[in-house]
Amino acid sequence: MVIVMDETATKGQIEAVELRLKEKGFQIHRVDGVTRTILGAIGDKRGIDLREFEVMEGVHEVLRITQPYKLASRTFHPDDSVIQVKGALFGGDHIAMIAGPCSIESEKQLYAIAQSIKNSGARLLRGGAFKPRTSPYSFQGLGIDGLKIMNSIADELGLATVSEMMEIGQLDAMIEYVDIIQVGARNMQNFPLLKELGNIKKPILLKRGLAATIEELLMAAEYIMSGGNYQIILCERGIRTFETYTRNTMDISAIPVTQSLSHLPIIADPSHGTGRRDHVAPMARAAIAAGANGLIIEVHHDPDHALSDGAQSLYPNQFSRLMQELQTIAWTIGKTL
C-alpha cells in the first residue's frame, strides 16, 4: 500500500507512521516529493485495516497498489523519475542519446567512434566488454581490459559510459569503470543478478527480454528497486515473434504503455530491434515520436569489419544525420535532446 502524507505533515508525524508500519512488519520505501512525502509499504497486508493508518495525524490518504509491481508503479511514484548521469538526463521531457560500437575491439577503434558520436551530440558511450554471443566461437569481448579502455577514453572526452554485465563476478569491475550498468535481454530474469544490483547505488539499464511482457519487465525492475536502488532505466529492444525479416519485432507501442504504468524512464534500442542498418533510423525517429526518453544506437566507423553486429551499426555520418532529424522531432513534441 501507499500512504500519502499531508503537505503540512511534520517530521514527527511521518516518523510515527513509519514506526507503525515497521511494527506491522512492512518494508518502507520513502519518497520525499516537492510538496508531499509518500511512504510505500511492502509486505503482507492480510489482517491490516487501512483505516488504522487513515486516521493517523498527518496522513492525507492510503491507497492499495493493485499491480504486482509496487515500487515501479505510478501509484507509488506519480511523477516521472528523472535519472542524471554526468549531465545526461533520462526521464520527463529529456531525451538522452547513447551510442557506440557493439563490442570494444581496440583503443584506436573505440576512440574514433567515441569522438564521432560526441561531435554529433551524444553524451553517453556504449561498448560491450563481456559479450553474450549465440555461438561459443564468436568474439566474446576484451573483458576488464575493454572496460579500462572505455573508461579512459570517456574521461578524456567527457562522456558517460554504458556496458553490459553478464554475471555477479563482474560487479566490482563494473562499479569501478562503468557509469550505467546494462542488464541484457537474456539476463532480464536473472533474479540473483537483479538482487545484487539492488544493493548498489549506480544506474541500471534494464532491457526487455526476448519474449517478455511489459509486466514481466516491470517486475524485473521491481527486483532491483526492492533492494533500494531506484535508478532504473528501462529499454525496449524488440521482442521475438514469427517475423523473420528483421532480427526482432520492434514494439513501439510498449513505450507509451510502459510510461502510463510506471514512473521509470524508458529508452529504445532500434539497432537490436531491427538488426538492419537501413531500418535503424526510421525506428529511432518513431520511438522518439512515441515518447521514448532516449535511444541506444550502435555506431561503428567500419561496420563491414566489425567483430560483432556490423550489419545493424550506423556509420558515423548516418548517426550525425539522425541526430539532426531527432532534434526536429524532439522540438515538435516539446522535449529536449
Protein backbone atom coordinates (compact mmCIF):
# COMPACT_ATOMS: atom_id res chain seq x y z
CA MET A 1 0.00 0.00 0.00
CA VAL A 2 0.92 3.66 -0.34
CA ILE A 3 0.47 6.26 2.37
CA VAL A 4 0.39 9.85 1.11
CA MET A 5 1.19 12.37 3.83
CA ASP A 6 -0.36 15.84 4.08
CA GLU A 7 1.59 18.77 2.69
CA THR A 8 1.75 20.11 6.27
CA ALA A 9 2.76 16.80 7.89
CA THR A 10 5.54 17.26 10.43
CA LYS A 11 8.69 15.19 10.70
CA GLY A 12 7.33 13.63 13.88
CA GLN A 13 4.05 12.62 12.23
CA ILE A 14 5.89 10.99 9.32
CA GLU A 15 8.17 9.10 11.68
CA ALA A 16 5.15 7.92 13.70
CA VAL A 17 3.58 6.40 10.59
CA GLU A 18 6.89 4.78 9.64
CA LEU A 19 7.18 3.27 13.15
CA ARG A 20 3.65 1.86 12.96
CA LEU A 21 4.40 0.30 9.57
CA LYS A 22 7.57 -1.31 10.90
CA GLU A 23 5.65 -2.70 13.87
CA LYS A 24 3.25 -4.33 11.38
CA GLY A 25 6.16 -5.95 9.55
CA PHE A 26 6.22 -3.74 6.47
CA GLN A 27 9.29 -2.77 4.47
CA ILE A 28 9.22 1.01 3.92
CA HIS A 29 10.27 2.86 0.78
CA ARG A 30 10.05 6.61 1.25
CA VAL A 31 9.84 9.27 -1.45
CA ASP A 32 10.12 12.92 -0.41
CA GLY A 33 8.35 14.90 -3.12
CA VAL A 34 8.26 18.63 -3.65
CA THR A 35 5.10 19.05 -1.56
CA ARG A 36 4.33 15.64 -0.04
CA THR A 37 6.08 12.63 1.42
CA ILE A 38 4.94 9.24 0.12
CA LEU A 39 5.52 6.03 2.05
CA GLY A 40 5.44 2.79 0.09
CA ALA A 41 4.72 -0.15 2.40
CA ILE A 42 5.69 -3.58 1.06
CA GLY A 43 4.57 -6.65 2.98
CA ASP A 44 1.67 -8.89 3.95
CA LYS A 45 -1.49 -6.76 4.17
CA ARG A 46 -3.75 -9.59 5.35
CA GLY A 47 -5.47 -8.62 8.56
CA ILE A 48 -4.48 -4.96 8.17
CA ASP A 49 -7.26 -2.39 8.42
CA LEU A 50 -6.31 0.59 6.25
CA ARG A 51 -8.41 2.87 8.46
CA GLU A 52 -5.82 2.35 11.18
CA PHE A 53 -3.43 4.46 9.11
CA GLU A 54 -6.02 6.79 7.58
CA VAL A 55 -6.83 8.27 11.00
CA MET A 56 -3.22 8.92 11.98
CA GLU A 57 -2.16 12.55 12.21
CA GLY A 58 -0.55 13.93 9.06
CA VAL A 59 -1.95 11.23 6.74
CA HIS A 60 -3.67 12.53 3.60
CA GLU A 61 -4.79 9.19 2.09
CA VAL A 62 -3.99 5.49 2.00
CA LEU A 63 -4.02 3.65 -1.33
CA ARG A 64 -3.82 0.00 -2.25
CA ILE A 65 -1.43 -0.89 -5.07
CA THR A 66 -3.20 -3.45 -7.22
CA GLN A 67 -0.30 -4.09 -9.62
CA PRO A 68 2.19 -6.84 -8.68
CA TYR A 69 4.99 -4.30 -9.19
CA LYS A 70 4.76 -1.78 -6.36
CA LEU A 71 7.79 0.49 -6.36
CA ALA A 72 7.86 0.77 -10.15
CA SER A 73 4.20 1.80 -10.35
CA ARG A 74 2.83 5.31 -10.73
CA THR A 75 0.64 4.75 -7.67
CA PHE A 76 3.77 4.76 -5.54
CA HIS A 77 5.53 7.48 -7.53
CA PRO A 78 3.06 9.56 -9.63
CA ASP A 79 5.67 11.87 -11.16
CA ASP A 80 8.24 10.85 -13.75
CA SER A 81 11.56 9.76 -12.30
CA VAL A 82 14.50 11.65 -13.82
CA ILE A 83 17.91 9.99 -13.63
CA GLN A 84 21.02 12.12 -14.13
CA VAL A 85 24.30 10.61 -15.30
CA LYS A 86 27.17 13.07 -15.79
CA GLY A 87 24.87 15.76 -17.12
CA ALA A 88 22.72 13.48 -19.28
CA LEU A 89 19.10 13.25 -18.15
CA PHE A 90 16.73 10.30 -18.57
CA GLY A 91 13.05 10.92 -17.90
CA GLY A 92 10.42 13.63 -18.05
CA ASP A 93 10.91 15.88 -21.08
CA HIS A 94 14.54 14.89 -21.55
CA ILE A 95 15.98 12.68 -24.30
CA ALA A 96 19.36 11.03 -23.71
CA MET A 97 21.44 9.59 -26.53
CA ILE A 98 23.69 6.55 -26.02
CA ALA A 99 25.85 5.46 -28.95
CA GLY A 100 28.90 3.39 -29.73
CA PRO A 101 30.04 0.01 -31.01
CA CYS A 102 28.51 -3.32 -30.10
CA SER A 103 31.93 -4.52 -28.91
CA ILE A 104 35.06 -2.76 -27.74
CA GLU A 105 37.66 -4.08 -30.19
CA SER A 106 40.68 -1.84 -29.58
CA GLU A 107 41.62 1.56 -28.17
CA LYS A 108 42.03 3.01 -31.67
CA GLN A 109 38.63 1.72 -32.78
CA LEU A 110 36.77 2.98 -29.72
CA TYR A 111 38.44 6.40 -29.70
CA ALA A 112 37.48 7.05 -33.33
CA ILE A 113 33.85 6.11 -32.68
CA ALA A 114 33.64 7.99 -29.37
CA GLN A 115 34.98 11.16 -30.97
CA SER A 116 32.45 10.94 -33.78
CA ILE A 117 29.40 10.39 -31.57
CA LYS A 118 30.44 13.24 -29.29
CA ASN A 119 30.76 15.56 -32.29
CA SER A 120 27.22 14.55 -33.27
CA GLY A 121 25.82 15.45 -29.84
CA ALA A 122 25.68 12.13 -27.92
CA ARG A 123 26.79 12.30 -24.29
CA LEU A 124 26.94 8.59 -23.43
CA LEU A 125 29.28 5.99 -24.90
CA ARG A 126 28.23 2.35 -25.13
CA GLY A 127 30.56 -0.57 -25.67
CA GLY A 128 30.47 -4.25 -24.86
CA ALA A 129 33.38 -5.77 -22.93
CA PHE A 130 31.65 -9.03 -21.99
CA LYS A 131 29.69 -10.27 -24.99
CA PRO A 132 26.84 -12.81 -24.75
CA ARG A 133 27.16 -14.46 -28.18
CA THR A 134 24.90 -17.14 -29.58
CA SER A 135 27.91 -19.07 -30.86
CA PRO A 136 30.71 -20.02 -28.45
CA TYR A 137 33.17 -19.44 -31.31
CA SER A 138 32.24 -15.78 -31.82
CA PHE A 139 34.21 -12.87 -30.36
CA GLN A 140 33.47 -12.73 -26.62
CA GLY A 141 34.85 -9.27 -25.84
CA LEU A 142 38.01 -7.88 -24.23
CA GLY A 143 36.71 -8.19 -20.67
CA ILE A 144 38.09 -5.88 -17.99
CA ASP A 145 40.75 -4.56 -20.38
CA GLY A 146 37.93 -3.33 -22.58
CA LEU A 147 36.28 -1.56 -19.66
CA LYS A 148 39.55 0.18 -18.82
CA ILE A 149 39.91 1.37 -22.43
CA MET A 150 36.36 2.73 -22.49
CA ASN A 151 36.72 4.42 -19.11
CA SER A 152 39.94 6.18 -20.16
CA ILE A 153 38.51 7.41 -23.47
CA ALA A 154 35.26 8.56 -21.87
CA ASP A 155 37.14 10.52 -19.21
CA GLU A 156 39.22 12.26 -21.86
CA LEU A 157 36.19 13.18 -23.99
CA GLY A 158 33.78 13.96 -21.14
CA LEU A 159 31.36 11.13 -21.87
CA ALA A 160 29.47 8.75 -19.58
CA THR A 161 29.83 5.00 -20.15
CA VAL A 162 27.34 2.15 -20.61
CA SER A 163 28.32 -1.52 -20.70
CA GLU A 164 26.63 -4.87 -20.18
CA MET A 165 27.20 -7.00 -17.10
CA MET A 166 26.87 -10.74 -17.60
CA GLU A 167 27.27 -12.23 -14.13
CA ILE A 168 27.76 -11.28 -10.49
CA GLY A 169 31.53 -11.84 -10.56
CA GLN A 170 31.89 -8.82 -12.87
CA LEU A 171 30.23 -6.40 -10.43
CA ASP A 172 33.37 -4.89 -8.86
CA ALA A 173 34.83 -4.05 -12.28
CA MET A 174 31.54 -2.57 -13.42
CA ILE A 175 31.27 -0.36 -10.36
CA GLU A 176 34.82 0.93 -10.91
CA TYR A 177 34.77 1.58 -14.65
CA VAL A 178 31.14 1.97 -15.83
CA ASP A 179 28.61 4.75 -15.19
CA ILE A 180 25.49 2.79 -16.24
CA ILE A 181 25.39 -0.99 -15.88
CA GLN A 182 23.37 -2.68 -18.60
CA VAL A 183 21.36 -5.84 -17.98
CA GLY A 184 20.80 -7.51 -21.33
CA ALA A 185 17.68 -9.22 -22.63
CA ARG A 186 18.99 -12.68 -21.74
CA ASN A 187 19.53 -11.64 -18.12
CA MET A 188 16.29 -9.72 -17.56
CA GLN A 189 15.01 -12.51 -15.29
CA ASN A 190 18.36 -13.46 -13.75
CA PHE A 191 16.95 -12.77 -10.30
CA PRO A 192 20.16 -13.33 -8.26
CA LEU A 193 21.88 -10.76 -10.51
CA LEU A 194 18.99 -8.31 -10.18
CA LYS A 195 19.06 -8.63 -6.38
CA GLU A 196 22.79 -7.82 -6.32
CA LEU A 197 22.19 -4.73 -8.45
CA GLY A 198 19.57 -3.61 -5.95
CA ASN A 199 22.30 -3.29 -3.33
CA ILE A 200 24.42 -0.75 -5.24
CA LYS A 201 23.94 2.94 -5.94
CA LYS A 202 24.54 3.05 -9.68
CA PRO A 203 22.07 3.47 -12.58
CA ILE A 204 20.91 0.25 -14.24
CA LEU A 205 19.82 -0.01 -17.88
CA LEU A 206 17.35 -2.90 -17.89
CA LYS A 207 16.48 -4.37 -21.29
CA ARG A 208 13.24 -6.17 -22.03
CA GLY A 209 13.64 -9.93 -22.51
CA LEU A 210 13.33 -11.65 -25.87
CA ALA A 211 9.77 -12.79 -25.16
CA ALA A 212 8.94 -10.83 -22.01
CA THR A 213 5.71 -9.00 -21.39
CA ILE A 214 5.69 -5.40 -20.19
CA GLU A 215 4.58 -6.59 -16.75
CA GLU A 216 7.50 -9.02 -16.58
CA LEU A 217 9.88 -6.17 -17.45
CA LEU A 218 8.44 -4.06 -14.63
CA MET A 219 8.64 -6.99 -12.21
CA ALA A 220 12.33 -7.35 -13.10
CA ALA A 221 12.77 -3.66 -12.28
CA GLU A 222 10.92 -4.31 -9.01
CA TYR A 223 13.58 -6.86 -8.01
CA ILE A 224 16.25 -4.17 -8.26
CA MET A 225 14.17 -1.47 -6.61
CA SER A 226 13.20 -3.71 -3.69
CA GLY A 227 16.87 -3.72 -2.72
CA GLY A 228 16.94 0.08 -2.55
CA ASN A 229 18.31 1.04 -5.97
CA TYR A 230 15.67 3.17 -7.72
CA GLN A 231 17.93 4.32 -10.57
CA ILE A 232 16.40 2.13 -13.27
CA ILE A 233 16.26 2.98 -16.98
CA LEU A 234 14.02 0.60 -18.91
CA CYS A 235 14.81 -0.32 -22.52
CA GLU A 236 12.54 -1.59 -25.29
CA ARG A 237 14.76 -3.58 -27.65
CA GLY A 238 12.27 -5.58 -29.66
CA ILE A 239 10.74 -8.97 -28.96
CA ARG A 240 10.85 -12.31 -30.76
CA THR A 241 7.82 -13.02 -32.94
CA PHE A 242 7.07 -15.17 -36.01
CA GLU A 243 8.52 -12.44 -38.27
CA THR A 244 11.98 -13.32 -39.63
CA TYR A 245 12.74 -10.40 -41.92
CA THR A 246 14.03 -8.29 -39.05
CA ARG A 247 16.13 -9.51 -36.13
CA ASN A 248 13.29 -8.75 -33.69
CA THR A 249 9.91 -7.05 -33.82
CA MET A 250 10.32 -3.51 -32.51
CA ASP A 251 7.41 -2.87 -30.11
CA ILE A 252 6.97 0.89 -30.30
CA SER A 253 3.61 0.66 -28.52
CA ALA A 254 5.42 -0.61 -25.41
CA ILE A 255 6.87 2.87 -24.88
CA PRO A 256 3.63 4.82 -24.13
CA VAL A 257 2.08 1.79 -22.42
CA THR A 258 5.02 1.43 -20.04
CA GLN A 259 5.03 5.17 -19.35
CA SER A 260 1.36 5.00 -18.36
CA LEU A 261 2.11 2.21 -15.88
CA SER A 262 5.47 3.25 -14.45
CA HIS A 263 7.36 6.39 -13.48
CA LEU A 264 10.66 4.91 -14.67
CA PRO A 265 12.23 6.36 -17.83
CA ILE A 266 12.23 4.13 -20.90
CA ILE A 267 14.52 4.29 -23.91
CA ALA A 268 14.54 2.33 -27.18
CA ASP A 269 17.15 0.20 -28.95
CA PRO A 270 16.35 0.24 -32.68
CA SER A 271 19.65 -1.47 -33.50
CA HIS A 272 18.68 -4.74 -31.82
CA GLY A 273 15.01 -4.06 -32.51
CA THR A 274 15.56 -4.40 -36.26
CA GLY A 275 19.05 -5.84 -36.78
CA ARG A 276 19.34 -3.91 -40.05
CA ARG A 277 21.23 -0.66 -40.57
CA ASP A 278 18.67 0.64 -43.09
CA HIS A 279 15.83 0.29 -40.57
CA VAL A 280 17.52 1.79 -37.51
CA ALA A 281 16.89 5.47 -38.30
CA PRO A 282 13.15 5.09 -39.11
CA MET A 283 12.52 3.18 -35.89
CA ALA A 284 14.65 5.64 -33.90
CA ARG A 285 12.52 8.51 -35.20
CA ALA A 286 9.33 6.57 -34.42
CA ALA A 287 10.48 5.79 -30.87
CA ILE A 288 11.19 9.45 -30.06
CA ALA A 289 7.86 10.49 -31.58
CA ALA A 290 6.18 7.85 -29.37
CA GLY A 291 7.72 9.46 -26.27
CA ALA A 292 10.90 7.49 -25.58
CA ASN A 293 13.25 9.14 -23.08
CA GLY A 294 16.27 8.25 -25.14
CA LEU A 295 17.91 5.86 -27.58
CA ILE A 296 20.82 3.44 -27.52
CA ILE A 297 22.26 3.03 -31.01
CA GLU A 298 25.16 1.04 -32.35
CA VAL A 299 27.67 3.08 -34.35
CA HIS A 300 30.87 1.82 -35.99
CA HIS A 301 33.36 3.62 -38.22
CA ASP A 302 33.99 0.42 -40.21
CA PRO A 303 30.92 -1.80 -39.69
CA ASP A 304 31.79 -4.16 -42.55
CA HIS A 305 34.76 -5.34 -40.48
CA ALA A 306 33.16 -5.10 -37.03
CA LEU A 307 33.70 -8.13 -34.80
CA SER A 308 30.02 -8.17 -33.84
CA ASP A 309 26.72 -6.75 -35.13
CA GLY A 310 28.20 -4.77 -38.02
CA ALA A 311 25.01 -5.17 -40.07
CA GLN A 312 22.97 -3.14 -37.57
CA SER A 313 25.61 -0.46 -36.85
CA LEU A 314 25.28 3.01 -38.35
CA TYR A 315 28.18 4.78 -40.00
CA PRO A 316 29.18 7.97 -38.12
CA ASN A 317 27.76 10.20 -40.87
CA GLN A 318 24.43 8.34 -40.68
CA PHE A 319 24.32 8.84 -36.93
CA SER A 320 25.10 12.54 -37.32
CA ARG A 321 22.25 12.95 -39.79
CA LEU A 322 19.89 11.03 -37.49
CA MET A 323 20.75 13.33 -34.58
CA GLN A 324 19.72 16.34 -36.68
CA GLU A 325 16.42 14.66 -37.54
CA LEU A 326 15.76 13.80 -33.91
CA GLN A 327 16.35 17.41 -32.90
CA THR A 328 13.39 18.42 -35.07
CA ILE A 329 11.14 15.68 -33.68
CA ALA A 330 12.10 16.50 -30.09
CA TRP A 331 11.31 20.19 -30.60
CA THR A 332 7.95 19.29 -32.18
CA ILE A 333 6.82 17.22 -29.18
CA GLY A 334 8.20 19.62 -26.58
CA LYS A 335 11.22 17.62 -25.46
CA THR A 336 14.89 18.44 -25.11
CA LEU A 337 17.56 16.39 -26.86
